[in-house]
Amino acid sequence: MAAKNIIDRAKSILLTPRSEWPVIAEEPDTVGGLYTKYIVIMAAIPVVVHFISASLIGVSVPILGYYRVGVPAALSRAIISYVVALVGIFIAALVVNALAPTFGGQKNQVQALKTFAYACTASWVASIVGLVPGLTLIAALAGGIYGIYLLNMGLPFTMKCPPEKSVGYTAVTIIVTIIIVIVLNLIVVSATGWGIGHNRMPADFSAAGSGDNGGFARGSAGAGLQAWSNKMAAASQQVDAAQKSGDANAKANAVGAMLGAALGSGGKVESLAPDRIKPFVPDSLAGLKRTEMSADRSAAVGVQVSKAEATYSDGTDHRLKLEITDTGSLKGLVGFAGGWAGVEQDHETDNGYDKTYKSNGQLVHEKWDNQSHNGEYGVIVGDRFSVNVSGKAASIDELKAAVASINLSGLAALKNEGVQSN
């Protein structure tokens, strides 16, 4: 399913479900086809939104202000949440299929997966609203309620159950699904300490912005999704070949390639070693001497992330903190945020503001409190490196100047270092 078709399908199932469900029910498809052509793409939306909110924008904590989760932790949680979501959808579809005869329907695993996956579209799309501070819960409720409505409407078409039995069918499905989520959450918590918050893709999906061959305009959301889908298609073909070969190592490598494609990095990325990132941490910043510094590289699920931190002070209460992060394989998601996703937010209060925007092709986040004169200013460099300065200052301009004094062009020149194509 091409990117335009995915967008059209999402619009249709949300805006005109009564006429779209019969079309969906008659479409020939497979479990693998539904996953690679729709589910893996749409299910990634809430994962990416949560990552951006938690680690790049920050989560608002009443009284205490904004808290940003560390990139390695946010990355690990994002990957695990994504995998668990894909597994959970499949299990929920098994439930829909198993319950069919009980409510006068016809068992069909493909139709059951269609039913649950397309009903989830409401929640997936609504999750985008979660980027706006304070609206996450409202978005989740709205998406969940509308998803139940879609499920109830779709069951008579896909599972051939009598319309008068669809309400009971829906209710039991939701109850069992909630139990599944709780069980999966317990499994994830026991394994990691965190809660939960492939066949082939079309080979004829033309490259984004490909001139006479058609495609979305370069730089548009459709072009980004189109390019991402092409990578997923190539990775899924590797999975196909590995499965046919029966080689366990080949299967593991192919799945790793699929993960790299899903993250949008185009392959595994070896993040900068601590000795490579430390030279970008200056001895002084905004006239303040460096008092502390650390640099490390960590990994989660085979994905590396490097980070350097430094504190600068004049010996009194004037302190600034510098953080430089090499997002490694996560650079694909960072590029998603700063590029074709067009992430922006602007939140103002009586005491200050918090906003995220693009400037000169770079994603920028700045926050300022007029009363405490505390703030932070950060930029994404080369769709890979995050440079952030925070602390007490005379104005936000001081923080901007501090970031500008970092060798950003030198960092940008390293954006392809350590990148291993699949």
Protein backbone atom coordinates (compact mmCIF):
# COMPACT_ATOMS: atom_id res chain seq x y z
CA MET A 1 0.00 0.00 0.00
CA ALA A 2 1.62 3.27 -1.14
CA ALA A 3 1.94 6.15 1.27
CA LYS A 4 -0.90 8.03 -0.42
CA ASN A 5 -3.09 4.94 -0.16
CA ILE A 6 -2.29 4.59 3.54
CA ILE A 7 -3.29 8.19 4.14
CA ASP A 8 -6.44 7.80 2.03
CA ARG A 9 -7.40 4.60 3.85
CA ALA A 10 -6.91 6.22 7.25
CA LYS A 11 -9.04 9.20 6.20
CA SER A 12 -11.77 6.98 4.78
CA ILE A 13 -12.04 4.66 7.77
CA LEU A 14 -12.22 7.67 10.10
CA LEU A 15 -14.51 9.92 8.07
CA THR A 16 -16.71 7.49 6.10
CA PRO A 17 -16.50 4.14 7.92
CA ARG A 18 -19.94 2.95 6.84
CA SER A 19 -18.95 2.95 3.18
CA GLU A 20 -15.30 1.95 3.79
CA TRP A 21 -15.87 -1.24 5.79
CA PRO A 22 -17.56 -3.10 2.89
CA VAL A 23 -14.59 -2.19 0.67
CA ILE A 24 -12.13 -3.42 3.29
CA ALA A 25 -14.04 -6.67 3.76
CA GLU A 26 -13.83 -7.52 0.05
CA GLU A 27 -10.15 -6.72 -0.40
CA PRO A 28 -7.90 -9.79 -0.86
CA ASP A 29 -4.97 -9.68 1.57
CA THR A 30 -2.74 -11.69 3.89
CA VAL A 31 -1.66 -11.33 7.51
CA GLY A 32 1.86 -10.42 6.39
CA GLY A 33 0.56 -8.00 3.81
CA LEU A 34 -1.59 -6.16 6.35
CA TYR A 35 1.36 -5.83 8.68
CA THR A 36 3.95 -4.57 6.21
CA LYS A 37 1.59 -2.38 4.20
CA TYR A 38 -0.36 -0.74 7.01
CA ILE A 39 0.11 -1.89 10.59
CA VAL A 40 3.89 -1.44 11.00
CA ILE A 41 3.57 2.10 9.66
CA MET A 42 0.50 3.25 11.55
CA ALA A 43 1.46 1.53 14.82
CA ALA A 44 4.73 3.47 14.79
CA ILE A 45 2.91 6.81 15.10
CA PRO A 46 2.14 6.69 18.86
CA VAL A 47 5.61 5.26 19.57
CA VAL A 48 7.33 8.13 17.76
CA VAL A 49 5.00 10.69 19.35
CA HIS A 50 5.74 9.35 22.83
CA PHE A 51 9.48 9.36 22.19
CA ILE A 52 9.42 12.94 20.95
CA SER A 53 7.27 14.07 23.87
CA ALA A 54 9.32 12.25 26.51
CA SER A 55 12.90 12.84 25.36
CA LEU A 56 12.90 15.85 23.03
CA ILE A 57 10.05 18.08 24.23
CA GLY A 58 9.61 16.87 27.80
CA VAL A 59 6.66 15.91 29.97
CA SER A 60 4.98 18.61 32.02
CA VAL A 61 4.95 17.80 35.75
CA PRO A 62 2.68 20.09 37.81
CA ILE A 63 4.64 22.55 39.97
CA LEU A 64 7.98 20.91 39.12
CA GLY A 65 8.01 21.90 35.45
CA TYR A 66 9.10 19.84 32.44
CA TYR A 67 10.96 16.54 32.74
CA ARG A 68 12.78 14.95 29.82
CA VAL A 69 13.49 11.21 29.81
CA GLY A 70 17.06 10.27 28.85
CA VAL A 71 17.48 9.27 25.21
CA PRO A 72 18.76 5.70 25.89
CA ALA A 73 15.84 4.95 28.22
CA ALA A 74 13.31 6.54 25.86
CA LEU A 75 14.77 4.58 22.94
CA SER A 76 14.57 1.27 24.78
CA ARG A 77 11.01 1.96 25.83
CA ALA A 78 10.04 3.01 22.29
CA ILE A 79 11.42 -0.16 20.73
CA ILE A 80 9.83 -2.43 23.32
CA SER A 81 6.49 -0.62 23.10
CA TYR A 82 6.53 -0.91 19.31
CA VAL A 83 7.27 -4.64 19.34
CA VAL A 84 4.68 -5.29 22.06
CA ALA A 85 2.08 -3.29 20.11
CA LEU A 86 2.66 -5.36 16.97
CA VAL A 87 2.40 -8.59 18.97
CA GLY A 88 -0.66 -7.37 20.84
CA ILE A 89 -2.50 -6.55 17.62
CA PHE A 90 -1.93 -10.08 16.35
CA ILE A 91 -3.15 -11.62 19.62
CA ALA A 92 -6.22 -9.38 19.63
CA ALA A 93 -6.98 -10.49 16.07
CA LEU A 94 -6.81 -14.11 17.26
CA VAL A 95 -9.44 -13.23 19.86
CA VAL A 96 -11.69 -11.58 17.26
CA ASN A 97 -11.39 -14.70 15.08
CA ALA A 98 -12.00 -17.17 17.92
CA LEU A 99 -15.14 -15.33 19.08
CA ALA A 100 -16.73 -15.21 15.62
CA PRO A 101 -18.84 -18.42 15.85
CA THR A 102 -20.11 -17.42 19.30
CA PHE A 103 -21.77 -14.35 17.79
CA GLY A 104 -22.94 -15.94 14.55
CA GLY A 105 -19.92 -14.87 12.52
CA GLN A 106 -17.48 -16.68 10.24
CA LYS A 107 -13.90 -17.39 11.31
CA ASN A 108 -11.26 -15.84 9.06
CA GLN A 109 -7.89 -14.80 10.47
CA VAL A 110 -7.15 -12.23 7.77
CA GLN A 111 -10.53 -10.57 8.19
CA ALA A 112 -10.10 -10.58 11.96
CA LEU A 113 -6.76 -8.78 11.63
CA LYS A 114 -8.33 -6.28 9.23
CA THR A 115 -11.10 -5.60 11.73
CA PHE A 116 -8.90 -4.92 14.71
CA ALA A 117 -6.12 -3.10 12.85
CA TYR A 118 -8.36 -0.68 10.99
CA ALA A 119 -10.36 -0.04 14.18
CA CYS A 120 -7.05 0.93 15.85
CA THR A 121 -6.59 3.66 13.24
CA ALA A 122 -8.54 6.07 15.42
CA SER A 123 -6.14 5.68 18.35
CA TRP A 124 -3.05 5.78 16.16
CA VAL A 125 -4.07 9.03 14.48
CA ALA A 126 -5.39 10.62 17.67
CA SER A 127 -2.03 10.01 19.37
CA ILE A 128 -0.54 12.82 17.25
CA VAL A 129 -2.53 15.26 19.38
CA GLY A 130 -0.42 14.05 22.31
CA LEU A 131 2.37 16.34 21.10
CA VAL A 132 0.30 19.26 22.41
CA PRO A 133 0.93 19.64 26.17
CA GLY A 134 -2.08 18.65 28.26
CA LEU A 135 -4.04 16.91 25.51
CA THR A 136 -2.54 13.39 25.71
CA LEU A 137 -5.29 11.93 27.90
CA ILE A 138 -8.06 13.57 25.89
CA ALA A 139 -6.55 12.24 22.66
CA ALA A 140 -6.28 8.72 24.10
CA LEU A 141 -9.91 8.74 25.26
CA ALA A 142 -11.20 10.11 21.97
CA GLY A 143 -9.20 7.60 19.95
CA GLY A 144 -10.28 4.70 22.15
CA ILE A 145 -13.97 5.57 22.06
CA TYR A 146 -14.02 6.10 18.32
CA GLY A 147 -12.04 2.88 17.84
CA ILE A 148 -14.76 0.94 19.68
CA TYR A 149 -17.33 2.55 17.41
CA LEU A 150 -15.32 1.49 14.33
CA LEU A 151 -14.94 -2.05 15.65
CA ASN A 152 -18.67 -2.38 16.26
CA MET A 153 -19.46 -1.08 12.78
CA GLY A 154 -16.90 -3.27 11.03
CA LEU A 155 -17.64 -6.69 12.54
CA PRO A 156 -20.81 -7.37 10.48
CA PHE A 157 -18.87 -6.73 7.25
CA THR A 158 -15.59 -8.47 7.98
CA MET A 159 -16.64 -11.31 10.30
CA LYS A 160 -20.15 -11.72 8.84
CA CYS A 161 -21.86 -11.55 12.23
CA PRO A 162 -25.52 -10.45 12.44
CA PRO A 163 -25.66 -6.67 13.08
CA GLU A 164 -27.79 -7.19 16.20
CA LYS A 165 -24.97 -9.26 17.74
CA SER A 166 -22.14 -6.87 16.95
CA VAL A 167 -22.51 -4.93 20.21
CA GLY A 168 -21.99 -8.06 22.32
CA TYR A 169 -19.18 -9.17 20.01
CA THR A 170 -17.51 -5.79 20.43
CA ALA A 171 -17.95 -5.74 24.21
CA VAL A 172 -16.40 -9.18 24.72
CA THR A 173 -13.56 -8.34 22.33
CA ILE A 174 -12.74 -5.15 24.25
CA ILE A 175 -12.83 -6.93 27.62
CA VAL A 176 -10.52 -9.71 26.43
CA THR A 177 -8.24 -7.16 24.75
CA ILE A 178 -7.92 -5.21 28.01
CA ILE A 179 -6.89 -8.44 29.74
CA ILE A 180 -4.31 -9.07 27.00
CA VAL A 181 -2.87 -5.57 27.49
CA ILE A 182 -2.62 -6.12 31.24
CA VAL A 183 -0.85 -9.46 30.75
CA LEU A 184 1.56 -8.02 28.18
CA ASN A 185 2.23 -5.10 30.50
CA LEU A 186 3.08 -7.48 33.35
CA ILE A 187 5.43 -9.42 31.09
CA VAL A 188 7.22 -6.25 29.99
CA VAL A 189 7.42 -4.92 33.55
CA SER A 190 8.88 -8.19 34.83
CA ALA A 191 11.45 -8.21 32.04
CA THR A 192 12.44 -4.54 31.91
CA GLY A 193 10.82 -2.64 34.76
CA TRP A 194 8.83 -0.53 32.28
CA GLY A 195 5.13 -0.59 31.45
CA ILE A 196 3.63 -0.44 28.00
CA GLY A 197 2.30 3.16 27.65
CA HIS A 198 6.26 -9.74 7.39
CA ASN A 199 6.03 -10.57 4.04
CA ARG A 200 6.48 -8.07 1.27
CA MET A 201 5.75 -4.45 0.56
CA PRO A 202 5.02 -3.16 -2.93
CA ALA A 203 8.16 -3.13 -5.04
CA ASP A 204 6.62 -0.66 -7.49
CA PHE A 205 6.41 2.14 -4.92
CA SER A 206 8.18 4.92 -6.83
CA ALA A 207 10.87 6.97 -5.10
CA ALA A 208 9.79 10.17 -3.44
CA GLY A 209 9.91 13.21 -5.64
CA SER A 210 10.83 11.12 -8.68
CA GLY A 211 9.87 13.60 -11.33
CA ASP A 212 7.94 12.12 -14.26
CA ASN A 213 7.54 8.83 -12.41
CA GLY A 214 5.14 10.50 -9.99
CA GLY A 215 5.32 10.60 -6.21
CA PHE A 216 4.93 13.19 -3.50
CA ALA A 217 6.71 16.54 -3.63
CA ARG A 218 10.15 16.50 -2.07
CA GLY A 219 10.14 17.49 1.59
CA SER A 220 6.45 16.70 2.05
CA ALA A 221 5.06 14.30 4.64
CA GLY A 222 4.05 11.91 1.87
CA ALA A 223 7.57 11.90 0.42
CA GLY A 224 9.07 11.06 3.80
CA LEU A 225 6.60 8.25 4.40
CA GLN A 226 7.14 7.02 0.86
CA ALA A 227 10.92 6.84 1.28
CA TRP A 228 10.52 5.13 4.65
CA SER A 229 8.17 2.58 3.11
CA ASN A 230 10.67 1.80 0.35
CA LYS A 231 13.27 0.95 2.99
CA MET A 232 10.75 -1.22 4.80
CA ALA A 233 9.99 -2.98 1.51
CA ALA A 234 13.66 -3.80 0.94
CA ALA A 235 14.05 -5.00 4.51
CA SER A 236 10.94 -7.17 4.30
CA GLN A 237 12.33 -8.84 1.18
CA GLN A 238 15.43 -9.75 3.18
CA VAL A 239 13.18 -11.29 5.83
CA ASP A 240 11.40 -13.30 3.14
CA ALA A 241 14.68 -14.62 1.74
CA ALA A 242 16.01 -15.45 5.21
CA GLN A 243 12.87 -17.36 6.13
CA LYS A 244 13.12 -19.45 2.98
CA SER A 245 16.81 -20.21 3.59
CA GLY A 246 16.18 -21.65 7.04
CA ASP A 247 19.43 -20.06 8.25
CA ALA A 248 18.95 -18.89 11.87
CA ASN A 249 21.74 -16.29 11.60
CA ALA A 250 20.30 -14.95 8.36
CA LYS A 251 16.88 -14.63 10.01
CA ALA A 252 18.36 -12.73 12.97
CA ASN A 253 20.26 -10.36 10.68
CA ALA A 254 17.17 -9.82 8.52
CA VAL A 255 15.06 -8.96 11.56
CA GLY A 256 17.78 -6.55 12.65
CA ALA A 257 17.65 -4.95 9.21
CA MET A 258 13.88 -4.64 9.52
CA LEU A 259 14.31 -2.91 12.88
CA GLY A 260 16.81 -0.52 11.34
CA ALA A 261 14.37 0.28 8.56
CA ALA A 262 11.52 0.75 11.04
CA LEU A 263 13.66 3.22 13.00
CA GLY A 264 14.27 5.04 9.74
CA SER A 265 18.06 5.01 10.08
CA GLY A 266 18.63 2.94 6.94
CA GLY A 267 20.76 0.49 8.90
CA LYS A 268 22.72 0.01 12.09
CA VAL A 269 24.55 3.12 13.31
CA GLU A 270 27.59 2.91 15.57
CA SER A 271 27.38 6.05 17.69
CA LEU A 272 30.48 8.11 18.37
CA ALA A 273 32.93 6.74 20.91
CA PRO A 274 33.34 8.90 24.04
CA ASP A 275 36.74 10.12 22.84
CA ARG A 276 35.15 11.28 19.57
CA ILE A 277 32.38 13.28 21.20
CA LYS A 278 34.41 14.89 24.02
CA PRO A 279 36.29 17.33 21.72
CA PHE A 280 32.97 19.09 21.06
CA VAL A 281 32.69 19.99 24.76
CA PRO A 282 34.54 23.34 25.20
CA ASP A 283 36.62 24.32 28.23
CA SER A 284 34.42 27.39 28.73
CA LEU A 285 30.88 28.32 27.76
CA ALA A 286 29.29 31.78 27.85
CA GLY A 287 32.24 33.03 29.88
CA LEU A 288 31.90 30.25 32.47
CA LYS A 289 34.60 27.69 33.24
CA ARG A 290 33.88 23.97 32.89
CA THR A 291 33.68 22.33 36.31
CA GLU A 292 32.47 18.81 35.42
CA MET A 293 32.37 16.60 32.34
CA SER A 294 31.42 13.03 31.45
CA ALA A 295 31.00 11.07 28.24
CA ASP A 296 29.67 7.57 27.66
CA ARG A 297 28.21 5.24 25.07
CA SER A 298 25.39 2.83 25.88
CA ALA A 299 23.35 0.32 23.93
CA ALA A 300 19.83 -1.09 24.04
CA VAL A 301 18.57 -3.87 21.77
CA GLY A 302 21.73 -3.47 19.70
CA VAL A 303 21.18 0.25 19.17
CA GLN A 304 23.96 2.56 20.39
CA VAL A 305 23.59 6.05 21.80
CA SER A 306 26.44 8.32 22.98
CA LYS A 307 26.22 11.32 25.25
CA ALA A 308 28.54 13.97 26.66
CA GLU A 309 27.56 16.23 29.56
CA ALA A 310 29.34 19.19 31.12
CA THR A 311 28.62 21.77 33.81
CA TYR A 312 29.89 25.34 33.67
CA SER A 313 29.93 27.74 36.62
CA ASP A 314 31.35 31.01 37.91
CA GLY A 315 31.50 29.63 41.43
CA THR A 316 28.22 31.22 42.48
CA ASP A 317 24.68 30.43 41.38
CA HIS A 318 25.40 31.03 37.69
CA ARG A 319 25.51 27.55 36.20
CA LEU A 320 24.89 26.14 32.73
CA LYS A 321 24.62 22.53 31.65
CA LEU A 322 25.62 21.32 28.19
CA GLU A 323 24.35 18.02 26.74
CA ILE A 324 25.49 16.64 23.40
CA THR A 325 23.79 13.41 22.32
CA ASP A 326 24.58 11.20 19.35
CA THR A 327 21.27 9.42 18.76
CA GLY A 328 22.88 6.62 16.70
CA SER A 329 20.30 4.42 14.97
CA LEU A 330 17.63 6.62 16.48
CA LYS A 331 18.65 9.31 14.01
CA GLY A 332 15.90 8.07 11.73
CA LEU A 333 13.24 9.00 14.28
CA VAL A 334 15.00 12.30 14.96
CA GLY A 335 14.95 13.00 11.24
CA PHE A 336 11.27 12.10 11.24
CA ALA A 337 10.60 14.70 13.93
CA GLY A 338 12.69 17.43 12.35
CA GLY A 339 11.88 16.65 8.75
CA TRP A 340 8.72 15.39 7.11
CA ALA A 341 6.68 15.05 10.31
CA GLY A 342 6.89 18.82 10.72
CA VAL A 343 6.81 18.69 14.52
CA GLU A 344 6.01 22.09 16.03
CA GLN A 345 4.54 23.33 19.29
CA ASP A 346 4.14 26.73 20.91
CA HIS A 347 2.96 26.98 24.53
CA GLU A 348 2.86 30.33 26.35
CA THR A 349 2.02 31.17 29.96
CA ASP A 350 2.11 34.31 32.09
CA ASN A 351 5.61 33.34 33.23
CA GLY A 352 7.23 32.28 29.97
CA TYR A 353 6.98 29.96 27.00
CA ASP A 354 7.96 26.56 25.60
CA LYS A 355 8.18 26.01 21.87
CA THR A 356 9.56 23.68 19.24
CA TYR A 357 10.05 24.81 15.66
CA LYS A 358 12.30 24.58 12.61
CA SER A 359 14.95 27.18 11.83
CA ASN A 360 17.39 26.96 8.91
CA GLY A 361 16.44 23.34 8.41
CA GLN A 362 17.11 22.38 12.04
CA LEU A 363 14.64 21.35 14.72
CA VAL A 364 14.89 23.81 17.63
CA HIS A 365 13.47 23.63 21.13
CA GLU A 366 13.52 26.55 23.52
CA LYS A 367 11.96 27.17 26.91
CA TRP A 368 12.12 30.21 29.16
CA ASP A 369 10.78 31.20 32.59
CA ASN A 370 10.64 34.97 33.11
CA GLN A 371 10.43 34.72 36.91
CA SER A 372 13.33 32.37 37.63
CA HIS A 373 15.35 33.32 34.53
CA ASN A 374 15.85 29.64 33.87
CA GLY A 375 15.56 28.12 30.45
CA GLU A 376 16.98 25.81 27.86
CA TYR A 377 17.82 25.98 24.21
CA GLY A 378 18.59 23.01 21.98
CA VAL A 379 19.02 22.13 18.32
CA ILE A 380 19.12 18.92 16.29
CA VAL A 381 22.20 18.84 14.06
CA GLY A 382 22.40 16.69 10.95
CA ASP A 383 19.20 14.84 11.93
CA ARG A 384 21.39 12.94 14.39
CA PHE A 385 23.02 15.05 17.11
CA SER A 386 21.15 16.86 19.87
CA VAL A 387 22.91 19.89 21.43
CA ASN A 388 21.19 21.42 24.45
CA VAL A 389 22.19 24.13 26.95
CA SER A 390 20.11 24.77 30.06
CA GLY A 391 20.33 26.78 33.26
CA LYS A 392 20.00 30.27 34.71
CA ALA A 393 20.86 33.11 32.35
CA ALA A 394 20.25 36.80 31.72
CA SER A 395 18.01 35.91 28.79
CA ILE A 396 17.28 33.17 26.30
CA ASP A 397 19.72 34.91 23.96
CA GLU A 398 22.58 33.91 26.26
CA LEU A 399 21.60 30.25 25.91
CA LYS A 400 21.27 30.62 22.15
CA ALA A 401 24.74 32.16 21.96
CA ALA A 402 26.12 29.33 24.08
CA VAL A 403 24.77 26.72 21.67
CA ALA A 404 26.03 28.72 18.70
CA SER A 405 29.55 28.67 20.18
CA ILE A 406 29.64 24.87 19.95
CA ASN A 407 31.26 23.43 16.83
CA LEU A 408 27.92 22.53 15.24
CA SER A 409 29.33 22.35 11.72
CA GLY A 410 31.92 19.86 12.95
CA LEU A 411 29.17 17.70 14.39
CA ALA A 412 27.14 17.95 11.21
CA ALA A 413 30.15 16.70 9.25
CA LEU A 414 30.03 13.47 11.28
CA LYS A 415 26.37 12.69 10.58
CA ASN A 416 27.26 9.71 8.40
CA GLU A 417 30.09 8.37 10.56
CA GLY A 418 29.45 4.84 11.79
CA VAL A 419 26.44 4.35 9.52
CA GLN A 420 26.26 0.79 8.22
CA SER A 421 23.75 0.34 5.42
CA ASN A 422 21.58 -2.78 5.51
